[in-house]
Amino acid sequence: MQGLAAALIAPQTMSLIVHLFPAERRGRGLGVGGAVGGAAMAAGPVIGGLLITWTGWLGIFLVNLPVGIAGWIAAARLLPDWHPAEEHRLDLWGIALSCLGLTALVVGVRSGEAYDWGTLAGPVTIPTVLAFGAVCLAVFVWCQHCDTHEPLLPLRLFHNRDFSAADAGAGAGAGGAMGSATGGLFLPLPIYL
């Protein structure tokens, strides 16, 4: 339940910051949000190690209850009551196709070596899983192109030269390097600590 709640909360933070801060102060708000996230990533393994040492492994989950309740109360008192001006709809086909496609690609790539790039079960092979993922993502892109109302990924964003350059060029490289550096620490750092 806590993982589901965290997954629901995480994407909301940036949209809330963008809504609350005027354009000229938005960079500062996003910077503070990023700094808090970075501090949490640095402090999390240490605090988690202390909690496990003092209370056992259940302490990691129990500490989230009072922190979550305090956050809920603070949000109710400090944040303005904001609702989007217009109704939005979920692109359920886009969600399903992107989830299926990405999951199949990840399973295929991650399990390929373990199954010697051959059969997973019955007629299902690693190449079949990878092909299924690629087809799902191709259909996803086609559906996003056809959906002119509210697609999950508005392809018109890629018409913006700045967005495309940041997404495909230095931004993707910097994001990949940062993800590799921080993600690579998740296994050895807790073991070391």
N, C-alpha and C. Protein backbone atom coordinates (compact mmCIF):
# COMPACT_ATOMS: atom_id res chain seq x y z
N MET A 1 0.83 -1.20 0.00
CA MET A 1 0.00 0.00 0.00
C MET A 1 0.87 1.26 0.00
N GLN A 2 1.97 1.21 0.76
CA GLN A 2 2.84 2.38 0.79
C GLN A 2 3.52 2.60 -0.56
N GLY A 3 3.89 1.53 -1.23
CA GLY A 3 4.50 1.67 -2.55
C GLY A 3 3.51 2.25 -3.55
N LEU A 4 2.26 1.80 -3.49
CA LEU A 4 1.23 2.33 -4.38
C LEU A 4 0.99 3.82 -4.10
N ALA A 5 0.93 4.17 -2.83
CA ALA A 5 0.73 5.58 -2.47
C ALA A 5 1.90 6.43 -2.95
N ALA A 6 3.12 5.93 -2.79
CA ALA A 6 4.29 6.69 -3.24
C ALA A 6 4.26 6.86 -4.76
N ALA A 7 3.84 5.82 -5.47
CA ALA A 7 3.76 5.91 -6.92
C ALA A 7 2.70 6.92 -7.36
N LEU A 8 1.64 7.06 -6.58
CA LEU A 8 0.60 8.04 -6.91
C LEU A 8 1.02 9.46 -6.56
N ILE A 9 1.82 9.62 -5.50
CA ILE A 9 2.22 10.95 -5.05
C ILE A 9 3.35 11.51 -5.89
N ALA A 10 4.31 10.68 -6.26
CA ALA A 10 5.53 11.17 -6.91
C ALA A 10 5.28 12.04 -8.14
N PRO A 11 4.41 11.66 -9.08
CA PRO A 11 4.22 12.53 -10.25
C PRO A 11 3.47 13.82 -9.94
N GLN A 12 2.80 13.87 -8.81
CA GLN A 12 2.01 15.05 -8.50
C GLN A 12 2.86 16.22 -8.03
N THR A 13 4.05 15.94 -7.50
CA THR A 13 4.84 17.01 -6.90
C THR A 13 5.23 18.06 -7.92
N MET A 14 5.72 17.65 -9.08
CA MET A 14 6.15 18.65 -10.06
C MET A 14 4.98 19.45 -10.60
N SER A 15 3.85 18.81 -10.86
CA SER A 15 2.70 19.56 -11.37
C SER A 15 2.19 20.54 -10.31
N LEU A 16 2.26 20.15 -9.05
CA LEU A 16 1.83 21.06 -7.98
C LEU A 16 2.79 22.25 -7.87
N ILE A 17 4.09 22.01 -7.98
CA ILE A 17 5.06 23.10 -7.95
C ILE A 17 4.83 24.04 -9.12
N VAL A 18 4.61 23.48 -10.31
CA VAL A 18 4.37 24.31 -11.50
C VAL A 18 3.11 25.15 -11.32
N HIS A 19 2.10 24.59 -10.68
CA HIS A 19 0.86 25.33 -10.47
C HIS A 19 1.02 26.42 -9.40
N LEU A 20 1.73 26.12 -8.30
CA LEU A 20 1.81 27.04 -7.17
C LEU A 20 2.75 28.21 -7.39
N PHE A 21 3.81 28.00 -8.16
CA PHE A 21 4.81 29.05 -8.33
C PHE A 21 4.59 29.79 -9.64
N PRO A 22 4.67 31.14 -9.61
CA PRO A 22 4.61 31.88 -10.87
C PRO A 22 5.84 31.57 -11.72
N ALA A 23 5.75 31.84 -13.01
CA ALA A 23 6.80 31.45 -13.96
C ALA A 23 8.17 31.96 -13.55
N GLU A 24 8.26 33.19 -13.02
CA GLU A 24 9.57 33.75 -12.68
C GLU A 24 10.19 33.11 -11.43
N ARG A 25 9.38 32.44 -10.60
CA ARG A 25 9.91 31.79 -9.39
C ARG A 25 9.85 30.27 -9.48
N ARG A 26 9.41 29.74 -10.59
CA ARG A 26 9.22 28.31 -10.75
C ARG A 26 10.53 27.54 -10.65
N GLY A 27 11.61 28.09 -11.20
CA GLY A 27 12.91 27.43 -11.13
C GLY A 27 13.35 27.21 -9.70
N ARG A 28 13.12 28.20 -8.85
CA ARG A 28 13.48 28.08 -7.43
C ARG A 28 12.66 26.97 -6.77
N GLY A 29 11.37 26.92 -7.05
CA GLY A 29 10.53 25.87 -6.47
C GLY A 29 10.95 24.49 -6.91
N LEU A 30 11.24 24.33 -8.21
CA LEU A 30 11.70 23.04 -8.71
C LEU A 30 13.07 22.68 -8.12
N GLY A 31 13.93 23.69 -7.93
CA GLY A 31 15.24 23.45 -7.33
C GLY A 31 15.13 22.97 -5.88
N VAL A 32 14.24 23.60 -5.12
CA VAL A 32 14.04 23.16 -3.73
C VAL A 32 13.47 21.75 -3.70
N GLY A 33 12.52 21.47 -4.59
CA GLY A 33 11.97 20.11 -4.66
C GLY A 33 13.03 19.09 -5.01
N GLY A 34 13.90 19.41 -5.96
CA GLY A 34 14.99 18.51 -6.31
C GLY A 34 15.98 18.33 -5.18
N ALA A 35 16.28 19.42 -4.44
CA ALA A 35 17.21 19.33 -3.32
C ALA A 35 16.64 18.45 -2.20
N VAL A 36 15.35 18.59 -1.94
CA VAL A 36 14.72 17.76 -0.91
C VAL A 36 14.75 16.29 -1.33
N GLY A 37 14.47 16.03 -2.61
CA GLY A 37 14.54 14.65 -3.11
C GLY A 37 15.94 14.08 -3.02
N GLY A 38 16.94 14.89 -3.37
CA GLY A 38 18.33 14.44 -3.28
C GLY A 38 18.75 14.17 -1.85
N ALA A 39 18.34 15.05 -0.93
CA ALA A 39 18.66 14.84 0.49
C ALA A 39 17.99 13.57 1.00
N ALA A 40 16.76 13.33 0.56
CA ALA A 40 16.05 12.12 0.99
C ALA A 40 16.76 10.86 0.48
N MET A 41 17.27 10.91 -0.76
CA MET A 41 17.98 9.75 -1.29
C MET A 41 19.28 9.50 -0.54
N ALA A 42 19.93 10.59 -0.12
CA ALA A 42 21.18 10.43 0.62
C ALA A 42 20.93 9.96 2.05
N ALA A 43 19.90 10.49 2.67
CA ALA A 43 19.63 10.16 4.07
C ALA A 43 18.88 8.85 4.24
N GLY A 44 18.13 8.43 3.21
CA GLY A 44 17.29 7.24 3.31
C GLY A 44 18.03 5.98 3.73
N PRO A 45 19.14 5.61 3.07
CA PRO A 45 19.84 4.39 3.49
C PRO A 45 20.39 4.46 4.91
N VAL A 46 20.85 5.65 5.31
CA VAL A 46 21.40 5.78 6.67
C VAL A 46 20.29 5.66 7.71
N ILE A 47 19.21 6.39 7.50
CA ILE A 47 18.09 6.33 8.45
C ILE A 47 17.47 4.93 8.45
N GLY A 48 17.35 4.34 7.25
CA GLY A 48 16.84 2.97 7.17
C GLY A 48 17.72 1.98 7.93
N GLY A 49 19.02 2.13 7.81
CA GLY A 49 19.95 1.26 8.55
C GLY A 49 19.80 1.43 10.05
N LEU A 50 19.65 2.67 10.50
CA LEU A 50 19.46 2.91 11.94
C LEU A 50 18.14 2.31 12.43
N LEU A 51 17.07 2.50 11.64
CA LEU A 51 15.77 1.94 12.04
C LEU A 51 15.82 0.43 12.12
N ILE A 52 16.47 -0.22 11.15
CA ILE A 52 16.57 -1.67 11.20
C ILE A 52 17.37 -2.13 12.40
N THR A 53 18.44 -1.41 12.71
CA THR A 53 19.28 -1.76 13.85
C THR A 53 18.51 -1.63 15.16
N TRP A 54 17.75 -0.56 15.32
CA TRP A 54 17.07 -0.29 16.59
C TRP A 54 15.72 -0.98 16.72
N THR A 55 14.96 -1.10 15.61
CA THR A 55 13.58 -1.59 15.74
C THR A 55 13.30 -2.87 14.96
N GLY A 56 14.21 -3.30 14.11
CA GLY A 56 13.94 -4.42 13.22
C GLY A 56 13.39 -3.91 11.90
N TRP A 57 13.21 -4.83 10.97
CA TRP A 57 12.84 -4.41 9.62
C TRP A 57 11.46 -3.78 9.53
N LEU A 58 10.55 -4.07 10.47
CA LEU A 58 9.22 -3.46 10.43
C LEU A 58 9.27 -1.95 10.69
N GLY A 59 10.32 -1.50 11.35
CA GLY A 59 10.45 -0.07 11.63
C GLY A 59 10.47 0.79 10.38
N ILE A 60 11.00 0.25 9.30
CA ILE A 60 11.05 1.01 8.04
C ILE A 60 9.64 1.35 7.56
N PHE A 61 8.72 0.41 7.75
CA PHE A 61 7.35 0.65 7.29
C PHE A 61 6.54 1.44 8.31
N LEU A 62 6.79 1.20 9.59
CA LEU A 62 6.00 1.88 10.61
C LEU A 62 6.33 3.37 10.72
N VAL A 63 7.58 3.75 10.43
CA VAL A 63 7.94 5.16 10.52
C VAL A 63 7.17 6.00 9.49
N ASN A 64 6.74 5.38 8.41
CA ASN A 64 6.02 6.12 7.38
C ASN A 64 4.62 6.54 7.83
N LEU A 65 4.04 5.85 8.79
CA LEU A 65 2.69 6.21 9.24
C LEU A 65 2.65 7.60 9.88
N PRO A 66 3.45 7.89 10.92
CA PRO A 66 3.37 9.25 11.49
C PRO A 66 3.86 10.33 10.52
N VAL A 67 4.87 10.01 9.72
CA VAL A 67 5.36 10.99 8.74
C VAL A 67 4.28 11.26 7.70
N GLY A 68 3.60 10.23 7.23
CA GLY A 68 2.53 10.40 6.25
C GLY A 68 1.36 11.17 6.82
N ILE A 69 0.98 10.88 8.05
CA ILE A 69 -0.13 11.61 8.68
C ILE A 69 0.23 13.07 8.86
N ALA A 70 1.47 13.35 9.30
CA ALA A 70 1.91 14.74 9.46
C ALA A 70 1.91 15.46 8.11
N GLY A 71 2.36 14.78 7.06
CA GLY A 71 2.35 15.38 5.73
C GLY A 71 0.95 15.66 5.23
N TRP A 72 0.05 14.73 5.51
CA TRP A 72 -1.34 14.90 5.10
C TRP A 72 -1.96 16.12 5.79
N ILE A 73 -1.73 16.25 7.09
CA ILE A 73 -2.26 17.38 7.84
C ILE A 73 -1.66 18.70 7.34
N ALA A 74 -0.33 18.69 7.12
CA ALA A 74 0.33 19.90 6.63
C ALA A 74 -0.20 20.29 5.25
N ALA A 75 -0.39 19.32 4.37
CA ALA A 75 -0.90 19.61 3.04
C ALA A 75 -2.31 20.18 3.11
N ALA A 76 -3.15 19.62 3.97
CA ALA A 76 -4.53 20.10 4.09
C ALA A 76 -4.57 21.53 4.61
N ARG A 77 -3.62 21.89 5.48
CA ARG A 77 -3.63 23.24 6.05
C ARG A 77 -2.88 24.27 5.22
N LEU A 78 -1.82 23.85 4.52
CA LEU A 78 -0.95 24.81 3.87
C LEU A 78 -1.19 24.98 2.38
N LEU A 79 -1.63 23.93 1.71
CA LEU A 79 -1.81 24.01 0.26
C LEU A 79 -3.19 24.57 -0.08
N PRO A 80 -3.26 25.38 -1.12
CA PRO A 80 -4.57 25.91 -1.52
C PRO A 80 -5.45 24.80 -2.10
N ASP A 81 -6.75 25.00 -1.99
CA ASP A 81 -7.70 24.05 -2.55
C ASP A 81 -7.76 24.30 -4.05
N TRP A 82 -7.10 23.43 -4.81
CA TRP A 82 -6.97 23.64 -6.26
C TRP A 82 -7.54 22.45 -7.00
N HIS A 83 -8.34 22.74 -7.99
CA HIS A 83 -8.88 21.73 -8.89
C HIS A 83 -8.66 22.21 -10.31
N PRO A 84 -8.30 21.31 -11.23
CA PRO A 84 -8.11 21.74 -12.62
C PRO A 84 -9.36 22.41 -13.16
N ALA A 85 -9.16 23.40 -14.01
CA ALA A 85 -10.27 24.17 -14.56
C ALA A 85 -11.14 23.34 -15.50
N GLU A 86 -10.55 22.34 -16.14
CA GLU A 86 -11.32 21.53 -17.09
C GLU A 86 -11.17 20.06 -16.75
N GLU A 87 -12.14 19.30 -17.17
CA GLU A 87 -12.11 17.85 -16.95
C GLU A 87 -11.13 17.20 -17.92
N HIS A 88 -10.42 16.22 -17.44
CA HIS A 88 -9.49 15.48 -18.28
C HIS A 88 -9.91 14.02 -18.29
N ARG A 89 -9.51 13.33 -19.34
CA ARG A 89 -9.82 11.90 -19.42
C ARG A 89 -8.50 11.13 -19.48
N LEU A 90 -8.52 9.93 -18.95
CA LEU A 90 -7.35 9.07 -19.03
C LEU A 90 -7.31 8.39 -20.38
N ASP A 91 -6.14 8.34 -20.97
CA ASP A 91 -5.93 7.62 -22.21
C ASP A 91 -5.66 6.16 -21.85
N LEU A 92 -6.73 5.41 -21.61
CA LEU A 92 -6.58 4.03 -21.13
C LEU A 92 -5.87 3.14 -22.14
N TRP A 93 -6.13 3.34 -23.43
CA TRP A 93 -5.42 2.55 -24.44
C TRP A 93 -3.94 2.88 -24.44
N GLY A 94 -3.63 4.14 -24.31
CA GLY A 94 -2.22 4.55 -24.25
C GLY A 94 -1.51 3.97 -23.04
N ILE A 95 -2.18 4.00 -21.90
CA ILE A 95 -1.60 3.44 -20.69
C ILE A 95 -1.37 1.94 -20.85
N ALA A 96 -2.38 1.24 -21.36
CA ALA A 96 -2.26 -0.22 -21.51
C ALA A 96 -1.17 -0.59 -22.50
N LEU A 97 -1.14 0.07 -23.65
CA LEU A 97 -0.15 -0.26 -24.67
C LEU A 97 1.27 0.07 -24.23
N SER A 98 1.45 1.23 -23.59
CA SER A 98 2.80 1.58 -23.13
C SER A 98 3.26 0.65 -22.02
N CYS A 99 2.37 0.30 -21.10
CA CYS A 99 2.75 -0.63 -20.01
C CYS A 99 3.08 -2.01 -20.56
N LEU A 100 2.23 -2.52 -21.46
CA LEU A 100 2.50 -3.83 -22.06
C LEU A 100 3.81 -3.83 -22.84
N GLY A 101 4.00 -2.82 -23.68
CA GLY A 101 5.19 -2.75 -24.51
C GLY A 101 6.47 -2.64 -23.69
N LEU A 102 6.47 -1.71 -22.72
CA LEU A 102 7.67 -1.53 -21.91
C LEU A 102 7.94 -2.74 -21.02
N THR A 103 6.88 -3.33 -20.47
CA THR A 103 7.07 -4.52 -19.63
C THR A 103 7.63 -5.67 -20.46
N ALA A 104 7.11 -5.88 -21.65
CA ALA A 104 7.62 -6.97 -22.50
C ALA A 104 9.07 -6.74 -22.86
N LEU A 105 9.44 -5.51 -23.19
CA LEU A 105 10.83 -5.23 -23.53
C LEU A 105 11.76 -5.44 -22.34
N VAL A 106 11.33 -4.98 -21.17
CA VAL A 106 12.17 -5.14 -19.97
C VAL A 106 12.30 -6.62 -19.61
N VAL A 107 11.20 -7.36 -19.64
CA VAL A 107 11.26 -8.80 -19.34
C VAL A 107 12.15 -9.51 -20.35
N GLY A 108 11.99 -9.18 -21.63
CA GLY A 108 12.80 -9.83 -22.66
C GLY A 108 14.28 -9.56 -22.49
N VAL A 109 14.64 -8.30 -22.26
CA VAL A 109 16.06 -7.95 -22.12
C VAL A 109 16.63 -8.51 -20.82
N ARG A 110 15.87 -8.38 -19.72
CA ARG A 110 16.38 -8.84 -18.42
C ARG A 110 16.46 -10.37 -18.34
N SER A 111 15.54 -11.07 -18.99
CA SER A 111 15.50 -12.54 -18.89
C SER A 111 16.21 -13.23 -20.04
N GLY A 112 16.61 -12.49 -21.04
CA GLY A 112 17.20 -13.10 -22.22
C GLY A 112 18.38 -13.99 -21.93
N GLU A 113 19.34 -13.50 -21.18
CA GLU A 113 20.53 -14.28 -20.89
C GLU A 113 20.21 -15.51 -20.04
N ALA A 114 19.32 -15.34 -19.07
CA ALA A 114 18.98 -16.46 -18.17
C ALA A 114 18.33 -17.61 -18.95
N TYR A 115 17.60 -17.30 -20.00
CA TYR A 115 16.94 -18.33 -20.80
C TYR A 115 17.70 -18.59 -22.11
N ASP A 116 18.94 -18.15 -22.17
CA ASP A 116 19.80 -18.35 -23.33
C ASP A 116 19.14 -17.84 -24.60
N TRP A 117 18.38 -16.75 -24.48
CA TRP A 117 17.68 -16.10 -25.57
C TRP A 117 16.79 -17.08 -26.34
N GLY A 118 16.28 -18.08 -25.60
CA GLY A 118 15.43 -19.10 -26.22
C GLY A 118 14.04 -19.08 -25.65
N THR A 119 13.54 -20.27 -25.27
CA THR A 119 12.16 -20.45 -24.85
C THR A 119 11.95 -20.05 -23.40
N LEU A 120 10.90 -19.27 -23.16
CA LEU A 120 10.48 -18.94 -21.79
C LEU A 120 9.57 -20.02 -21.25
N ALA A 121 8.47 -20.26 -21.96
CA ALA A 121 7.49 -21.28 -21.56
C ALA A 121 6.65 -21.63 -22.78
N GLY A 122 6.57 -22.90 -23.09
CA GLY A 122 5.78 -23.34 -24.23
C GLY A 122 6.24 -22.68 -25.52
N PRO A 123 5.31 -22.06 -26.26
CA PRO A 123 5.70 -21.42 -27.52
C PRO A 123 6.27 -20.01 -27.34
N VAL A 124 6.31 -19.50 -26.11
CA VAL A 124 6.76 -18.13 -25.87
C VAL A 124 8.29 -18.11 -25.75
N THR A 125 8.91 -17.34 -26.63
CA THR A 125 10.36 -17.22 -26.62
C THR A 125 10.76 -15.77 -26.31
N ILE A 126 12.01 -15.58 -25.98
CA ILE A 126 12.50 -14.22 -25.72
C ILE A 126 12.34 -13.34 -26.96
N PRO A 127 12.71 -13.80 -28.16
CA PRO A 127 12.47 -12.94 -29.33
C PRO A 127 10.99 -12.61 -29.53
N THR A 128 10.10 -13.55 -29.21
CA THR A 128 8.66 -13.28 -29.33
C THR A 128 8.24 -12.19 -28.35
N VAL A 129 8.74 -12.27 -27.13
CA VAL A 129 8.40 -11.26 -26.11
C VAL A 129 8.92 -9.89 -26.55
N LEU A 130 10.16 -9.85 -27.05
CA LEU A 130 10.72 -8.58 -27.52
C LEU A 130 9.94 -8.03 -28.71
N ALA A 131 9.55 -8.89 -29.63
CA ALA A 131 8.76 -8.45 -30.79
C ALA A 131 7.39 -7.93 -30.34
N PHE A 132 6.78 -8.63 -29.39
CA PHE A 132 5.48 -8.19 -28.87
C PHE A 132 5.61 -6.80 -28.25
N GLY A 133 6.67 -6.59 -27.48
CA GLY A 133 6.89 -5.27 -26.87
C GLY A 133 7.07 -4.19 -27.91
N ALA A 134 7.84 -4.49 -28.95
CA ALA A 134 8.07 -3.50 -30.02
C ALA A 134 6.78 -3.19 -30.76
N VAL A 135 5.96 -4.21 -31.02
CA VAL A 135 4.68 -3.98 -31.71
C VAL A 135 3.75 -3.15 -30.83
N CYS A 136 3.69 -3.47 -29.55
CA CYS A 136 2.84 -2.68 -28.64
C CYS A 136 3.26 -1.21 -28.62
N LEU A 137 4.56 -0.95 -28.59
CA LEU A 137 5.02 0.43 -28.58
C LEU A 137 4.78 1.13 -29.91
N ALA A 138 4.88 0.39 -31.01
CA ALA A 138 4.58 0.98 -32.32
C ALA A 138 3.09 1.33 -32.41
N VAL A 139 2.23 0.44 -31.94
CA VAL A 139 0.79 0.72 -31.92
C VAL A 139 0.50 1.89 -30.98
N PHE A 140 1.22 1.96 -29.86
CA PHE A 140 1.07 3.08 -28.92
C PHE A 140 1.35 4.41 -29.62
N VAL A 141 2.48 4.48 -30.34
CA VAL A 141 2.84 5.72 -31.04
C VAL A 141 1.78 6.05 -32.09
N TRP A 142 1.29 5.06 -32.82
CA TRP A 142 0.25 5.29 -33.82
C TRP A 142 -1.02 5.82 -33.16
N CYS A 143 -1.42 5.21 -32.04
CA CYS A 143 -2.63 5.67 -31.33
C CYS A 143 -2.45 7.10 -30.81
N GLN A 144 -1.24 7.44 -30.36
CA GLN A 144 -0.99 8.79 -29.88
C GLN A 144 -1.08 9.80 -31.02
N HIS A 145 -0.66 9.37 -32.19
CA HIS A 145 -0.76 10.23 -33.37
C HIS A 145 -2.23 10.46 -33.74
N CYS A 146 -3.05 9.42 -33.62
CA CYS A 146 -4.46 9.51 -34.01
C CYS A 146 -5.31 10.23 -32.97
N ASP A 147 -4.92 10.20 -31.70
CA ASP A 147 -5.70 10.83 -30.64
C ASP A 147 -5.38 12.32 -30.60
N THR A 148 -6.28 13.13 -31.12
CA THR A 148 -6.04 14.58 -31.17
C THR A 148 -6.58 15.30 -29.94
N HIS A 149 -7.36 14.61 -29.11
CA HIS A 149 -7.96 15.29 -27.96
C HIS A 149 -7.00 15.36 -26.77
N GLU A 150 -6.69 14.24 -26.17
CA GLU A 150 -5.83 14.22 -24.99
C GLU A 150 -5.00 12.94 -24.94
N PRO A 151 -3.98 12.82 -25.77
CA PRO A 151 -3.16 11.61 -25.75
C PRO A 151 -2.27 11.56 -24.51
N LEU A 152 -1.85 10.36 -24.15
CA LEU A 152 -0.93 10.18 -23.03
C LEU A 152 0.39 10.87 -23.32
N LEU A 153 0.89 10.76 -24.53
CA LEU A 153 2.13 11.41 -24.97
C LEU A 153 1.82 12.25 -26.20
N PRO A 154 1.60 13.55 -26.00
CA PRO A 154 1.29 14.40 -27.16
C PRO A 154 2.52 14.48 -28.09
N LEU A 155 2.41 13.90 -29.27
CA LEU A 155 3.53 13.87 -30.20
C LEU A 155 3.90 15.25 -30.71
N ARG A 156 2.97 16.22 -30.59
CA ARG A 156 3.27 17.57 -31.04
C ARG A 156 4.40 18.20 -30.21
N LEU A 157 4.67 17.66 -29.03
CA LEU A 157 5.80 18.15 -28.24
C LEU A 157 7.11 18.03 -29.00
N PHE A 158 7.23 16.99 -29.80
CA PHE A 158 8.46 16.76 -30.54
C PHE A 158 8.63 17.73 -31.71
N HIS A 159 7.60 18.53 -32.01
CA HIS A 159 7.72 19.57 -33.02
C HIS A 159 8.48 20.77 -32.46
N ASN A 160 8.52 20.88 -31.14
CA ASN A 160 9.27 21.94 -30.48
C ASN A 160 10.75 21.57 -30.50
N ARG A 161 11.57 22.38 -31.18
CA ARG A 161 12.98 22.07 -31.34
C ARG A 161 13.71 21.97 -30.01
N ASP A 162 13.40 22.84 -29.05
CA ASP A 162 14.06 22.80 -27.75
C ASP A 162 13.74 21.51 -27.00
N PHE A 163 12.47 21.11 -27.04
CA PHE A 163 12.07 19.88 -26.36
C PHE A 163 12.76 18.67 -26.99
N SER A 164 12.75 18.61 -28.31
CA SER A 164 13.36 17.47 -29.00
C SER A 164 14.86 17.41 -28.77
N ALA A 165 15.52 18.56 -28.77
CA ALA A 165 16.96 18.58 -28.56
C ALA A 165 17.30 18.15 -27.13
N ALA A 166 16.52 18.61 -26.16
CA ALA A 166 16.78 18.24 -24.78
C ALA A 166 16.45 16.78 -24.53
N ASP A 167 15.39 16.31 -25.19
CA ASP A 167 14.95 14.93 -24.98
C ASP A 167 15.90 13.94 -25.64
N ALA A 168 16.34 14.22 -26.85
CA ALA A 168 17.14 13.27 -27.59
C ALA A 168 18.63 13.50 -27.44
N GLY A 169 19.04 14.67 -27.05
CA GLY A 169 20.46 14.98 -27.02
C GLY A 169 21.05 14.98 -25.63
N ALA A 170 21.50 16.14 -25.23
CA ALA A 170 22.23 16.27 -23.97
C ALA A 170 21.35 15.92 -22.77
N GLY A 171 20.07 16.25 -22.83
CA GLY A 171 19.19 15.95 -21.70
C GLY A 171 19.07 14.47 -21.44
N ALA A 172 18.92 13.69 -22.51
CA ALA A 172 18.82 12.24 -22.35
C ALA A 172 20.15 11.67 -21.86
N GLY A 173 21.25 12.19 -22.38
CA GLY A 173 22.57 11.72 -21.93
C GLY A 173 22.82 12.05 -20.47
N ALA A 174 22.50 13.29 -20.08
CA ALA A 174 22.69 13.69 -18.69
C ALA A 174 21.77 12.90 -17.77
N GLY A 175 20.52 12.72 -18.19
CA GLY A 175 19.58 11.94 -17.38
C GLY A 175 20.02 10.49 -17.25
N GLY A 176 20.51 9.92 -18.36
CA GLY A 176 21.01 8.54 -18.31
C GLY A 176 22.22 8.40 -17.40
N ALA A 177 23.14 9.37 -17.48
CA ALA A 177 24.33 9.33 -16.62
C ALA A 177 23.95 9.47 -15.16
N MET A 178 23.03 10.39 -14.87
CA MET A 178 22.61 10.59 -13.48
C MET A 178 21.88 9.35 -12.96
N GLY A 179 20.99 8.79 -13.77
CA GLY A 179 20.28 7.58 -13.36
C GLY A 179 21.22 6.42 -13.12
N SER A 180 22.22 6.27 -13.99
CA SER A 180 23.19 5.18 -13.82
C SER A 180 24.01 5.38 -12.55
N ALA A 181 24.41 6.63 -12.31
CA ALA A 181 25.24 6.90 -11.13
C ALA A 181 24.45 6.69 -9.83
N THR A 182 23.24 7.23 -9.77
CA THR A 182 22.47 7.09 -8.53
C THR A 182 21.88 5.70 -8.40
N GLY A 183 21.36 5.16 -9.50
CA GLY A 183 20.79 3.81 -9.46
C GLY A 183 21.82 2.75 -9.16
N GLY A 184 23.04 2.96 -9.63
CA GLY A 184 24.10 2.00 -9.39
C GLY A 184 24.51 1.91 -7.93
N LEU A 185 24.15 2.92 -7.16
CA LEU A 185 24.50 2.90 -5.74
C LEU A 185 23.50 2.15 -4.87
N PHE A 186 22.31 1.86 -5.40
CA PHE A 186 21.26 1.28 -4.57
C PHE A 186 21.60 -0.11 -4.06
N LEU A 187 22.37 -0.88 -4.78
CA LEU A 187 22.75 -2.20 -4.30
C LEU A 187 23.96 -2.15 -3.37
N PRO A 188 25.10 -1.58 -3.78
CA PRO A 188 26.28 -1.67 -2.91
C PRO A 188 26.21 -0.79 -1.67
N LEU A 189 25.57 0.39 -1.77
CA LEU A 189 25.58 1.30 -0.62
C LEU A 189 24.86 0.73 0.60
N PRO A 190 23.64 0.21 0.47
CA PRO A 190 23.00 -0.37 1.66
C PRO A 190 23.78 -1.58 2.21
N ILE A 191 24.37 -2.38 1.33
CA ILE A 191 25.16 -3.52 1.81
C ILE A 191 26.37 -3.02 2.58
N TYR A 192 27.03 -1.98 2.06
CA TYR A 192 28.20 -1.41 2.73
C TYR A 192 27.81 -0.81 4.06
N LEU A 193 26.71 -0.03 4.07
CA LEU A 193 26.30 0.64 5.31
C LEU A 193 25.82 -0.36 6.35
